[in-house]
Amino acid sequence: MAEYCVAISGASGVAYGLRVLRALAAAGETVHVVVSEGGARVLRHECDLAISSKAPQAELLAPEHADRIVTHAVMDYGCSIASGSYPLAGMTVCPCSMGTLGRLAAGTAENLITRAADVCMKERRKLVLVPRDTPLHSIHLENMLRLDRAGAVILPASPGFYWRPERAEELVDFIAGRVLAQLGVDNDLMKKWAP
C-alpha cells in the first residue's frame, strides 16, 4: 500500500480534508496527517473536534481507521515526511488557506505543512492544493499560477451540481473524490458525468 499526507490548514471547509483522510484510511492506505494551529481552530468550530496541532489524535480524526493514521506535530521538521527520501505517494493540503498557499508559492517552509508540500514539489510528487476562499484577488491568482507551474494541482473546493446532490455530505464527497482521483486513488465518492 502507498502512503499519503493530508494536511489541514486554517481555511473553512475542514470537512473536505477529514473526508479525504478517512477515505484513504478506509481504502487501506497509510495516511500521515498534519494540522496547523488555524486548522485545529477550524476543526473545533466546524466539526466539534478538539484536535491539537502539536499532537493530533488519530482516534478523533478517523475513529474507524485510527491504526492507518500517523499524526505529526505541525512544527516537527525532523519527522519522516519532511525528507525527500521518504517515499510519500502524494499529498494534499485540504483545505488550503491563502496564507499557506502564499508561503508555498514563495518557497518558505515555516512549518511541517509547507515543508512536506515543498518536498513533494521538489521530488515531483503529486501535490493537490484545495483553496476554499472566495473571492480571490490578483495575488491569490498569481500564487496559484506560480504553484501550478511548479507542478502542484490547484483544485478549488467548487463542487458540481450536475448530478443533483441532496445533502451537504454529497458536496463534500464530490470534492474529496476529485482530490483522491488526482492522487491516483480509485474511489466512488463522486458521481461521474453521464449525459
N, C-alpha and C. Protein backbone atom coordinates (compact mmCIF):
# COMPACT_ATOMS: atom_id res chain seq x y z
N MET A 1 0.83 -1.19 0.00
CA MET A 1 0.00 0.00 0.00
C MET A 1 0.88 1.25 0.00
N ALA A 2 0.31 2.32 -0.52
CA ALA A 2 1.02 3.60 -0.61
C ALA A 2 0.80 4.41 0.66
N GLU A 3 1.61 5.45 0.81
CA GLU A 3 1.46 6.37 1.93
C GLU A 3 1.21 7.77 1.39
N TYR A 4 0.25 8.45 2.00
CA TYR A 4 -0.14 9.79 1.59
C TYR A 4 -0.09 10.72 2.78
N CYS A 5 -0.08 12.02 2.49
CA CYS A 5 -0.17 13.02 3.56
C CYS A 5 -1.38 13.89 3.31
N VAL A 6 -2.17 14.10 4.35
CA VAL A 6 -3.28 15.05 4.31
C VAL A 6 -2.98 16.12 5.35
N ALA A 7 -2.86 17.35 4.88
CA ALA A 7 -2.63 18.48 5.78
C ALA A 7 -3.90 19.33 5.81
N ILE A 8 -4.27 19.76 6.99
CA ILE A 8 -5.45 20.60 7.18
C ILE A 8 -4.96 21.95 7.70
N SER A 9 -5.14 22.98 6.86
CA SER A 9 -4.73 24.31 7.28
C SER A 9 -5.95 25.10 7.73
N GLY A 10 -5.75 26.37 8.06
CA GLY A 10 -6.79 27.14 8.73
C GLY A 10 -7.81 27.81 7.85
N ALA A 11 -8.28 27.15 6.81
CA ALA A 11 -9.37 27.70 6.00
C ALA A 11 -10.66 26.96 6.36
N SER A 12 -11.78 27.59 6.10
CA SER A 12 -13.06 26.91 6.28
C SER A 12 -13.13 25.76 5.29
N GLY A 13 -13.87 24.73 5.66
CA GLY A 13 -14.01 23.58 4.78
C GLY A 13 -13.20 22.38 5.22
N VAL A 14 -12.92 22.26 6.52
CA VAL A 14 -12.12 21.15 7.01
C VAL A 14 -12.81 19.80 6.79
N ALA A 15 -14.12 19.81 6.56
CA ALA A 15 -14.84 18.56 6.27
C ALA A 15 -14.27 17.89 5.03
N TYR A 16 -13.78 18.67 4.07
CA TYR A 16 -13.16 18.09 2.88
C TYR A 16 -11.92 17.27 3.26
N GLY A 17 -11.05 17.86 4.07
CA GLY A 17 -9.84 17.16 4.48
C GLY A 17 -10.13 15.92 5.30
N LEU A 18 -11.10 16.03 6.22
CA LEU A 18 -11.48 14.86 7.01
C LEU A 18 -11.98 13.73 6.12
N ARG A 19 -12.79 14.08 5.13
CA ARG A 19 -13.35 13.06 4.23
C ARG A 19 -12.24 12.39 3.42
N VAL A 20 -11.28 13.18 2.94
CA VAL A 20 -10.18 12.61 2.17
C VAL A 20 -9.35 11.67 3.05
N LEU A 21 -8.98 12.09 4.25
CA LEU A 21 -8.14 11.24 5.08
C LEU A 21 -8.87 9.98 5.50
N ARG A 22 -10.17 10.09 5.79
CA ARG A 22 -10.94 8.90 6.17
C ARG A 22 -11.11 7.94 5.00
N ALA A 23 -11.31 8.46 3.80
CA ALA A 23 -11.44 7.61 2.61
C ALA A 23 -10.13 6.90 2.30
N LEU A 24 -9.01 7.61 2.42
CA LEU A 24 -7.71 6.98 2.20
C LEU A 24 -7.47 5.86 3.21
N ALA A 25 -7.75 6.13 4.48
CA ALA A 25 -7.56 5.12 5.52
C ALA A 25 -8.50 3.93 5.30
N ALA A 26 -9.75 4.19 4.91
CA ALA A 26 -10.70 3.11 4.65
C ALA A 26 -10.26 2.25 3.48
N ALA A 27 -9.52 2.85 2.54
CA ALA A 27 -9.00 2.11 1.39
C ALA A 27 -7.74 1.31 1.73
N GLY A 28 -7.32 1.38 2.99
CA GLY A 28 -6.16 0.62 3.43
C GLY A 28 -4.83 1.33 3.30
N GLU A 29 -4.88 2.62 2.94
CA GLU A 29 -3.64 3.39 2.79
C GLU A 29 -3.19 3.93 4.14
N THR A 30 -1.89 4.15 4.28
CA THR A 30 -1.36 4.83 5.46
C THR A 30 -1.45 6.32 5.20
N VAL A 31 -2.00 7.05 6.16
CA VAL A 31 -2.22 8.48 5.98
C VAL A 31 -1.48 9.26 7.06
N HIS A 32 -0.53 10.08 6.62
CA HIS A 32 0.16 10.99 7.52
C HIS A 32 -0.68 12.25 7.60
N VAL A 33 -0.92 12.75 8.79
CA VAL A 33 -1.79 13.91 8.98
C VAL A 33 -1.05 14.99 9.75
N VAL A 34 -1.16 16.22 9.22
CA VAL A 34 -0.61 17.40 9.88
C VAL A 34 -1.73 18.43 9.94
N VAL A 35 -1.93 19.03 11.10
CA VAL A 35 -2.96 20.04 11.29
C VAL A 35 -2.29 21.32 11.79
N SER A 36 -2.52 22.42 11.09
CA SER A 36 -1.97 23.70 11.55
C SER A 36 -2.75 24.19 12.76
N GLU A 37 -2.21 25.21 13.43
CA GLU A 37 -2.95 25.79 14.56
C GLU A 37 -4.29 26.33 14.09
N GLY A 38 -4.31 27.01 12.94
CA GLY A 38 -5.56 27.51 12.38
C GLY A 38 -6.49 26.37 12.02
N GLY A 39 -5.94 25.29 11.47
CA GLY A 39 -6.75 24.12 11.14
C GLY A 39 -7.39 23.51 12.37
N ALA A 40 -6.65 23.47 13.48
CA ALA A 40 -7.20 22.95 14.73
C ALA A 40 -8.36 23.82 15.21
N ARG A 41 -8.23 25.14 15.07
CA ARG A 41 -9.32 26.04 15.46
C ARG A 41 -10.56 25.80 14.60
N VAL A 42 -10.35 25.64 13.30
CA VAL A 42 -11.50 25.44 12.40
C VAL A 42 -12.13 24.07 12.64
N LEU A 43 -11.33 23.04 12.94
CA LEU A 43 -11.90 21.73 13.27
C LEU A 43 -12.80 21.81 14.49
N ARG A 44 -12.38 22.59 15.49
CA ARG A 44 -13.23 22.78 16.68
C ARG A 44 -14.52 23.50 16.31
N HIS A 45 -14.39 24.54 15.52
CA HIS A 45 -15.55 25.38 15.19
C HIS A 45 -16.53 24.67 14.25
N GLU A 46 -16.01 24.05 13.20
CA GLU A 46 -16.89 23.48 12.17
C GLU A 46 -17.31 22.03 12.42
N CYS A 47 -16.48 21.29 13.16
CA CYS A 47 -16.75 19.85 13.33
C CYS A 47 -16.80 19.40 14.79
N ASP A 48 -16.66 20.33 15.73
CA ASP A 48 -16.66 20.00 17.15
C ASP A 48 -15.60 18.96 17.51
N LEU A 49 -14.44 19.02 16.82
CA LEU A 49 -13.33 18.12 17.13
C LEU A 49 -12.23 18.91 17.82
N ALA A 50 -11.89 18.49 19.03
CA ALA A 50 -10.84 19.16 19.80
C ALA A 50 -9.50 18.52 19.44
N ILE A 51 -8.92 18.99 18.35
CA ILE A 51 -7.66 18.47 17.83
C ILE A 51 -6.54 19.44 18.18
N SER A 52 -5.40 18.89 18.56
CA SER A 52 -4.22 19.71 18.84
C SER A 52 -3.28 19.68 17.65
N SER A 53 -2.73 20.83 17.27
CA SER A 53 -1.74 20.86 16.18
C SER A 53 -0.41 20.27 16.64
N LYS A 54 -0.21 20.18 17.96
CA LYS A 54 1.03 19.63 18.50
C LYS A 54 0.99 18.11 18.60
N ALA A 55 -0.20 17.56 18.79
CA ALA A 55 -0.36 16.11 18.90
C ALA A 55 -1.76 15.72 18.44
N PRO A 56 -2.02 15.77 17.13
CA PRO A 56 -3.37 15.41 16.64
C PRO A 56 -3.70 13.97 17.01
N GLN A 57 -4.92 13.75 17.48
CA GLN A 57 -5.33 12.42 17.92
C GLN A 57 -5.97 11.66 16.76
N ALA A 58 -5.34 10.57 16.35
CA ALA A 58 -5.84 9.76 15.24
C ALA A 58 -7.25 9.24 15.51
N GLU A 59 -7.55 8.93 16.76
CA GLU A 59 -8.86 8.37 17.11
C GLU A 59 -9.99 9.37 16.85
N LEU A 60 -9.69 10.66 16.94
CA LEU A 60 -10.70 11.68 16.66
C LEU A 60 -10.80 11.97 15.16
N LEU A 61 -9.68 11.87 14.46
CA LEU A 61 -9.67 12.18 13.03
C LEU A 61 -10.33 11.07 12.21
N ALA A 62 -10.06 9.83 12.55
CA ALA A 62 -10.60 8.69 11.79
C ALA A 62 -10.90 7.56 12.77
N PRO A 63 -11.99 7.66 13.51
CA PRO A 63 -12.28 6.69 14.57
C PRO A 63 -12.25 5.22 14.13
N GLU A 64 -12.72 4.94 12.93
CA GLU A 64 -12.81 3.54 12.48
C GLU A 64 -11.50 3.02 11.90
N HIS A 65 -10.57 3.92 11.59
CA HIS A 65 -9.32 3.51 10.95
C HIS A 65 -8.11 4.21 11.57
N ALA A 66 -8.16 4.44 12.87
CA ALA A 66 -7.07 5.17 13.53
C ALA A 66 -5.73 4.46 13.37
N ASP A 67 -5.75 3.15 13.19
CA ASP A 67 -4.50 2.40 13.03
C ASP A 67 -3.80 2.71 11.71
N ARG A 68 -4.49 3.34 10.77
CA ARG A 68 -3.92 3.70 9.48
C ARG A 68 -3.41 5.14 9.46
N ILE A 69 -3.62 5.87 10.57
CA ILE A 69 -3.28 7.29 10.64
C ILE A 69 -1.98 7.48 11.42
N VAL A 70 -1.07 8.26 10.84
CA VAL A 70 0.17 8.65 11.51
C VAL A 70 0.12 10.17 11.65
N THR A 71 0.07 10.66 12.87
CA THR A 71 -0.03 12.10 13.06
C THR A 71 1.33 12.70 13.35
N HIS A 72 1.48 13.96 12.94
CA HIS A 72 2.73 14.70 13.15
C HIS A 72 2.41 16.08 13.70
N ALA A 73 3.24 16.55 14.59
CA ALA A 73 3.11 17.92 15.10
C ALA A 73 3.47 18.90 14.00
N VAL A 74 2.75 19.99 13.92
CA VAL A 74 2.92 20.95 12.83
C VAL A 74 4.32 21.57 12.80
N MET A 75 5.02 21.57 13.90
CA MET A 75 6.37 22.15 13.93
C MET A 75 7.48 21.09 13.95
N ASP A 76 7.16 19.84 13.67
CA ASP A 76 8.14 18.76 13.71
C ASP A 76 8.83 18.61 12.36
N TYR A 77 9.89 19.37 12.17
CA TYR A 77 10.65 19.31 10.92
C TYR A 77 11.50 18.05 10.82
N GLY A 78 11.66 17.33 11.89
CA GLY A 78 12.53 16.16 11.89
C GLY A 78 11.81 14.86 11.59
N CYS A 79 10.54 14.92 11.28
CA CYS A 79 9.79 13.69 11.04
C CYS A 79 10.00 13.18 9.61
N SER A 80 9.51 12.00 9.36
CA SER A 80 9.73 11.31 8.08
C SER A 80 9.31 12.12 6.86
N ILE A 81 8.12 12.70 6.88
CA ILE A 81 7.58 13.34 5.67
C ILE A 81 8.26 14.68 5.35
N ALA A 82 9.15 15.13 6.21
CA ALA A 82 9.90 16.36 5.94
C ALA A 82 11.10 16.10 5.04
N SER A 83 11.34 14.83 4.72
CA SER A 83 12.50 14.46 3.92
C SER A 83 12.10 13.94 2.54
N GLY A 84 12.83 14.34 1.54
CA GLY A 84 12.60 13.85 0.19
C GLY A 84 12.90 12.37 0.04
N SER A 85 13.66 11.80 0.96
CA SER A 85 13.98 10.37 0.88
C SER A 85 12.83 9.50 1.36
N TYR A 86 11.82 10.11 2.00
CA TYR A 86 10.67 9.33 2.46
C TYR A 86 9.68 9.20 1.30
N PRO A 87 9.27 8.00 0.95
CA PRO A 87 8.51 7.78 -0.28
C PRO A 87 7.00 8.02 -0.17
N LEU A 88 6.59 9.25 0.07
CA LEU A 88 5.15 9.56 0.01
C LEU A 88 4.68 9.43 -1.44
N ALA A 89 3.49 8.88 -1.62
CA ALA A 89 2.91 8.77 -2.96
C ALA A 89 2.30 10.10 -3.39
N GLY A 90 1.92 10.93 -2.43
CA GLY A 90 1.32 12.23 -2.75
C GLY A 90 0.82 12.91 -1.49
N MET A 91 0.41 14.15 -1.67
CA MET A 91 -0.03 14.97 -0.53
C MET A 91 -1.12 15.91 -0.98
N THR A 92 -2.03 16.21 -0.06
CA THR A 92 -3.00 17.26 -0.29
C THR A 92 -3.02 18.20 0.91
N VAL A 93 -3.18 19.48 0.64
CA VAL A 93 -3.47 20.45 1.69
C VAL A 93 -4.93 20.80 1.46
N CYS A 94 -5.76 20.30 2.37
CA CYS A 94 -7.21 20.30 2.14
C CYS A 94 -7.95 20.56 3.45
N PRO A 95 -8.45 21.76 3.67
CA PRO A 95 -8.40 22.91 2.79
C PRO A 95 -7.06 23.62 2.89
N CYS A 96 -6.78 24.44 1.88
CA CYS A 96 -5.53 25.19 1.83
C CYS A 96 -5.84 26.67 2.01
N SER A 97 -5.42 27.23 3.12
CA SER A 97 -5.64 28.66 3.35
C SER A 97 -4.81 29.48 2.37
N MET A 98 -5.20 30.71 2.15
CA MET A 98 -4.42 31.57 1.27
C MET A 98 -3.05 31.89 1.86
N GLY A 99 -2.94 31.89 3.19
CA GLY A 99 -1.64 32.09 3.82
C GLY A 99 -0.70 30.93 3.52
N THR A 100 -1.21 29.71 3.65
CA THR A 100 -0.40 28.53 3.32
C THR A 100 -0.04 28.53 1.85
N LEU A 101 -1.00 28.84 1.00
CA LEU A 101 -0.76 28.88 -0.44
C LEU A 101 0.32 29.91 -0.77
N GLY A 102 0.25 31.07 -0.14
CA GLY A 102 1.24 32.12 -0.38
C GLY A 102 2.63 31.70 0.06
N ARG A 103 2.73 31.04 1.22
CA ARG A 103 4.03 30.57 1.69
C ARG A 103 4.59 29.51 0.76
N LEU A 104 3.74 28.63 0.24
CA LEU A 104 4.20 27.62 -0.72
C LEU A 104 4.69 28.28 -2.00
N ALA A 105 3.96 29.28 -2.48
CA ALA A 105 4.35 29.97 -3.71
C ALA A 105 5.68 30.69 -3.53
N ALA A 106 5.96 31.16 -2.31
CA ALA A 106 7.22 31.86 -2.04
C ALA A 106 8.36 30.90 -1.71
N GLY A 107 8.04 29.61 -1.53
CA GLY A 107 9.07 28.63 -1.24
C GLY A 107 9.57 28.66 0.19
N THR A 108 8.75 29.21 1.10
CA THR A 108 9.17 29.26 2.51
C THR A 108 8.55 28.09 3.26
N ALA A 109 9.35 27.37 3.97
CA ALA A 109 8.89 26.21 4.73
C ALA A 109 8.97 26.55 6.21
N GLU A 110 7.92 27.17 6.72
CA GLU A 110 7.98 27.60 8.12
C GLU A 110 7.26 26.66 9.07
N ASN A 111 6.65 25.60 8.54
CA ASN A 111 6.08 24.56 9.39
C ASN A 111 6.09 23.25 8.60
N LEU A 112 5.62 22.18 9.20
CA LEU A 112 5.69 20.88 8.54
C LEU A 112 4.78 20.81 7.31
N ILE A 113 3.66 21.53 7.33
CA ILE A 113 2.79 21.51 6.15
C ILE A 113 3.53 22.07 4.94
N THR A 114 4.11 23.25 5.09
CA THR A 114 4.78 23.87 3.95
C THR A 114 6.07 23.12 3.60
N ARG A 115 6.75 22.54 4.57
CA ARG A 115 7.96 21.76 4.28
C ARG A 115 7.60 20.50 3.50
N ALA A 116 6.62 19.72 3.97
CA ALA A 116 6.25 18.48 3.30
C ALA A 116 5.72 18.76 1.89
N ALA A 117 4.95 19.83 1.73
CA ALA A 117 4.44 20.19 0.40
C ALA A 117 5.57 20.61 -0.52
N ASP A 118 6.52 21.37 0.01
CA ASP A 118 7.69 21.78 -0.76
C ASP A 118 8.49 20.55 -1.20
N VAL A 119 8.62 19.58 -0.31
CA VAL A 119 9.32 18.33 -0.65
C VAL A 119 8.60 17.61 -1.78
N CYS A 120 7.28 17.55 -1.72
CA CYS A 120 6.52 16.90 -2.80
C CYS A 120 6.81 17.58 -4.14
N MET A 121 6.83 18.91 -4.15
CA MET A 121 7.09 19.61 -5.41
C MET A 121 8.51 19.36 -5.90
N LYS A 122 9.49 19.43 -5.01
CA LYS A 122 10.87 19.26 -5.47
C LYS A 122 11.15 17.83 -5.91
N GLU A 123 10.44 16.86 -5.34
CA GLU A 123 10.61 15.46 -5.72
C GLU A 123 9.68 15.07 -6.86
N ARG A 124 8.90 16.03 -7.37
CA ARG A 124 7.96 15.81 -8.47
C ARG A 124 6.89 14.78 -8.12
N ARG A 125 6.43 14.85 -6.87
CA ARG A 125 5.33 14.01 -6.41
C ARG A 125 4.05 14.81 -6.50
N LYS A 126 2.95 14.12 -6.52
CA LYS A 126 1.65 14.77 -6.64
C LYS A 126 1.37 15.60 -5.39
N LEU A 127 1.02 16.88 -5.61
CA LEU A 127 0.61 17.79 -4.55
C LEU A 127 -0.69 18.43 -4.99
N VAL A 128 -1.75 18.21 -4.22
CA VAL A 128 -3.06 18.75 -4.55
C VAL A 128 -3.44 19.79 -3.49
N LEU A 129 -3.63 21.03 -3.93
CA LEU A 129 -3.99 22.13 -3.04
C LEU A 129 -5.46 22.46 -3.25
N VAL A 130 -6.21 22.54 -2.15
CA VAL A 130 -7.65 22.77 -2.22
C VAL A 130 -7.99 24.10 -1.55
N PRO A 131 -7.85 25.21 -2.32
CA PRO A 131 -8.23 26.51 -1.75
C PRO A 131 -9.75 26.61 -1.67
N ARG A 132 -10.24 27.27 -0.61
CA ARG A 132 -11.67 27.38 -0.43
C ARG A 132 -12.13 28.85 -0.36
N ASP A 133 -11.18 29.75 -0.22
CA ASP A 133 -11.54 31.16 -0.06
C ASP A 133 -12.16 31.73 -1.33
N THR A 134 -13.02 32.70 -1.14
CA THR A 134 -13.62 33.41 -2.26
C THR A 134 -14.13 34.76 -1.75
N PRO A 135 -14.05 35.82 -2.51
CA PRO A 135 -13.45 35.93 -3.83
C PRO A 135 -11.93 35.92 -3.74
N LEU A 136 -11.29 35.90 -4.89
CA LEU A 136 -9.83 35.88 -4.98
C LEU A 136 -9.34 37.19 -5.57
N HIS A 137 -8.19 37.67 -5.09
CA HIS A 137 -7.60 38.84 -5.71
C HIS A 137 -6.38 38.41 -6.53
N SER A 138 -5.74 39.36 -7.18
CA SER A 138 -4.69 39.02 -8.13
C SER A 138 -3.50 38.31 -7.48
N ILE A 139 -3.19 38.62 -6.23
CA ILE A 139 -2.06 37.94 -5.58
C ILE A 139 -2.39 36.46 -5.38
N HIS A 140 -3.63 36.16 -4.94
CA HIS A 140 -4.04 34.77 -4.80
C HIS A 140 -3.90 34.04 -6.14
N LEU A 141 -4.40 34.67 -7.19
CA LEU A 141 -4.38 34.05 -8.52
C LEU A 141 -2.95 33.87 -9.03
N GLU A 142 -2.10 34.87 -8.80
CA GLU A 142 -0.70 34.74 -9.21
C GLU A 142 0.01 33.64 -8.43
N ASN A 143 -0.29 33.50 -7.14
CA ASN A 143 0.30 32.43 -6.35
C ASN A 143 -0.15 31.07 -6.87
N MET A 144 -1.42 30.96 -7.22
CA MET A 144 -1.91 29.69 -7.76
C MET A 144 -1.23 29.36 -9.08
N LEU A 145 -1.08 30.36 -9.94
CA LEU A 145 -0.40 30.14 -11.21
C LEU A 145 1.05 29.71 -10.99
N ARG A 146 1.71 30.35 -10.06
CA ARG A 146 3.11 30.01 -9.77
C ARG A 146 3.22 28.56 -9.29
N LEU A 147 2.29 28.14 -8.42
CA LEU A 147 2.31 26.77 -7.91
C LEU A 147 1.94 25.76 -8.99
N ASP A 148 1.00 26.13 -9.85
CA ASP A 148 0.65 25.26 -10.97
C ASP A 148 1.87 25.04 -11.86
N ARG A 149 2.59 26.09 -12.13
CA ARG A 149 3.80 25.99 -12.97
C ARG A 149 4.87 25.14 -12.30
N ALA A 150 4.86 25.09 -10.97
CA ALA A 150 5.83 24.27 -10.22
C ALA A 150 5.37 22.82 -10.10
N GLY A 151 4.19 22.51 -10.61
CA GLY A 151 3.73 21.14 -10.63
C GLY A 151 2.59 20.79 -9.68
N ALA A 152 2.17 21.74 -8.84
CA ALA A 152 1.05 21.46 -7.94
C ALA A 152 -0.26 21.48 -8.73
N VAL A 153 -1.23 20.73 -8.23
CA VAL A 153 -2.58 20.75 -8.78
C VAL A 153 -3.41 21.70 -7.92
N ILE A 154 -4.04 22.67 -8.55
CA ILE A 154 -4.92 23.59 -7.83
C ILE A 154 -6.34 23.09 -8.05
N LEU A 155 -6.98 22.64 -6.98
CA LEU A 155 -8.31 22.04 -7.05
C LEU A 155 -9.24 22.82 -6.12
N PRO A 156 -9.82 23.93 -6.60
CA PRO A 156 -10.69 24.71 -5.74
C PRO A 156 -11.88 23.89 -5.23
N ALA A 157 -12.31 24.18 -4.04
CA ALA A 157 -13.47 23.48 -3.45
C ALA A 157 -14.74 24.02 -4.11
N SER A 158 -14.95 23.61 -5.34
CA SER A 158 -16.10 24.05 -6.14
C SER A 158 -16.87 22.81 -6.59
N PRO A 159 -17.78 22.32 -5.77
CA PRO A 159 -18.48 21.08 -6.12
C PRO A 159 -19.40 21.25 -7.32
N GLY A 160 -19.59 20.15 -8.04
CA GLY A 160 -20.51 20.15 -9.17
C GLY A 160 -21.94 19.91 -8.71
N PHE A 161 -22.88 20.37 -9.49
CA PHE A 161 -24.29 20.20 -9.17
C PHE A 161 -25.05 19.44 -10.25
N TYR A 162 -24.34 18.99 -11.31
CA TYR A 162 -25.00 18.34 -12.43
C TYR A 162 -25.67 17.03 -12.04
N TRP A 163 -25.26 16.43 -10.94
CA TRP A 163 -25.84 15.16 -10.52
C TRP A 163 -26.87 15.33 -9.41
N ARG A 164 -27.26 16.58 -9.17
CA ARG A 164 -28.34 16.94 -8.25
C ARG A 164 -28.16 16.40 -6.82
N PRO A 165 -27.13 16.87 -6.14
CA PRO A 165 -26.92 16.44 -4.75
C PRO A 165 -28.07 16.91 -3.86
N GLU A 166 -28.34 16.11 -2.85
CA GLU A 166 -29.44 16.43 -1.93
C GLU A 166 -28.96 16.78 -0.53
N ARG A 167 -27.72 16.44 -0.21
CA ARG A 167 -27.20 16.68 1.13
C ARG A 167 -25.82 17.33 1.05
N ALA A 168 -25.46 18.07 2.07
CA ALA A 168 -24.14 18.71 2.11
C ALA A 168 -23.03 17.67 2.04
N GLU A 169 -23.24 16.51 2.63
CA GLU A 169 -22.23 15.45 2.61
C GLU A 169 -21.89 15.02 1.18
N GLU A 170 -22.87 15.08 0.30
CA GLU A 170 -22.62 14.72 -1.10
C GLU A 170 -21.71 15.75 -1.78
N LEU A 171 -21.86 17.00 -1.40
CA LEU A 171 -20.97 18.04 -1.94
C LEU A 171 -19.55 17.85 -1.44
N VAL A 172 -19.41 17.48 -0.18
CA VAL A 172 -18.09 17.19 0.39
C VAL A 172 -17.49 15.99 -0.33
N ASP A 173 -18.29 14.95 -0.54
CA ASP A 173 -17.80 13.75 -1.23
C ASP A 173 -17.34 14.08 -2.65
N PHE A 174 -18.02 14.98 -3.32
CA PHE A 174 -17.64 15.35 -4.68
C PHE A 174 -16.20 15.88 -4.70
N ILE A 175 -15.91 16.82 -3.82
CA ILE A 175 -14.56 17.40 -3.77
C ILE A 175 -13.56 16.35 -3.29
N ALA A 176 -13.89 15.60 -2.26
CA ALA A 176 -12.98 14.56 -1.76
C ALA A 176 -12.68 13.55 -2.86
N GLY A 177 -13.69 13.18 -3.62
CA GLY A 177 -13.49 12.25 -4.72
C GLY A 177 -12.56 12.80 -5.78
N ARG A 178 -12.67 14.10 -6.07
CA ARG A 178 -11.77 14.73 -7.04
C ARG A 178 -10.33 14.75 -6.53
N VAL A 179 -10.17 15.04 -5.24
CA VAL A 179 -8.82 15.04 -4.65
C VAL A 179 -8.22 13.64 -4.75
N LEU A 180 -8.99 12.63 -4.35
CA LEU A 180 -8.50 11.25 -4.41
C LEU A 180 -8.12 10.86 -5.83
N ALA A 181 -8.94 11.25 -6.80
CA ALA A 181 -8.64 10.94 -8.20
C ALA A 181 -7.33 11.58 -8.63
N GLN A 182 -7.08 12.82 -8.19
CA GLN A 182 -5.83 13.49 -8.53
C GLN A 182 -4.63 12.81 -7.89
N LEU A 183 -4.85 12.20 -6.72
CA LEU A 183 -3.78 11.47 -6.05
C LEU A 183 -3.59 10.07 -6.65
N GLY A 184 -4.47 9.70 -7.59
CA GLY A 184 -4.37 8.40 -8.23
C GLY A 184 -5.04 7.28 -7.46
N VAL A 185 -5.99 7.64 -6.58
CA VAL A 185 -6.68 6.66 -5.75
C VAL A 185 -8.09 6.45 -6.28
N ASP A 186 -8.39 5.24 -6.70
CA ASP A 186 -9.74 4.92 -7.18
C ASP A 186 -10.74 5.12 -6.05
N ASN A 187 -11.90 5.65 -6.39
CA ASN A 187 -12.93 5.89 -5.39
C ASN A 187 -14.28 6.02 -6.08
N ASP A 188 -15.33 5.92 -5.29
CA ASP A 188 -16.68 6.12 -5.82
C ASP A 188 -17.42 7.22 -5.07
N LEU A 189 -16.65 8.19 -4.57
CA LEU A 189 -17.25 9.28 -3.80
C LEU A 189 -18.01 10.26 -4.66
N MET A 190 -17.54 10.46 -5.89
CA MET A 190 -18.22 11.42 -6.75
C MET A 190 -18.85 10.68 -7.93
N LYS A 191 -19.99 11.17 -8.32
CA LYS A 191 -20.65 10.58 -9.47
C LYS A 191 -20.06 11.14 -10.74
N LYS A 192 -19.72 10.25 -11.66
CA LYS A 192 -19.14 10.69 -12.92
C LYS A 192 -20.25 11.27 -13.82
N TRP A 193 -19.86 12.19 -14.68
CA TRP A 193 -20.79 12.80 -15.60
C TRP A 193 -21.29 11.75 -16.60
N ALA A 194 -22.58 11.65 -16.73
CA ALA A 194 -23.19 10.75 -17.71
C ALA A 194 -24.34 11.51 -18.36
N PRO A 195 -24.14 12.02 -19.60
CA PRO A 195 -25.20 12.81 -20.25
C PRO A 195 -26.44 11.99 -20.56
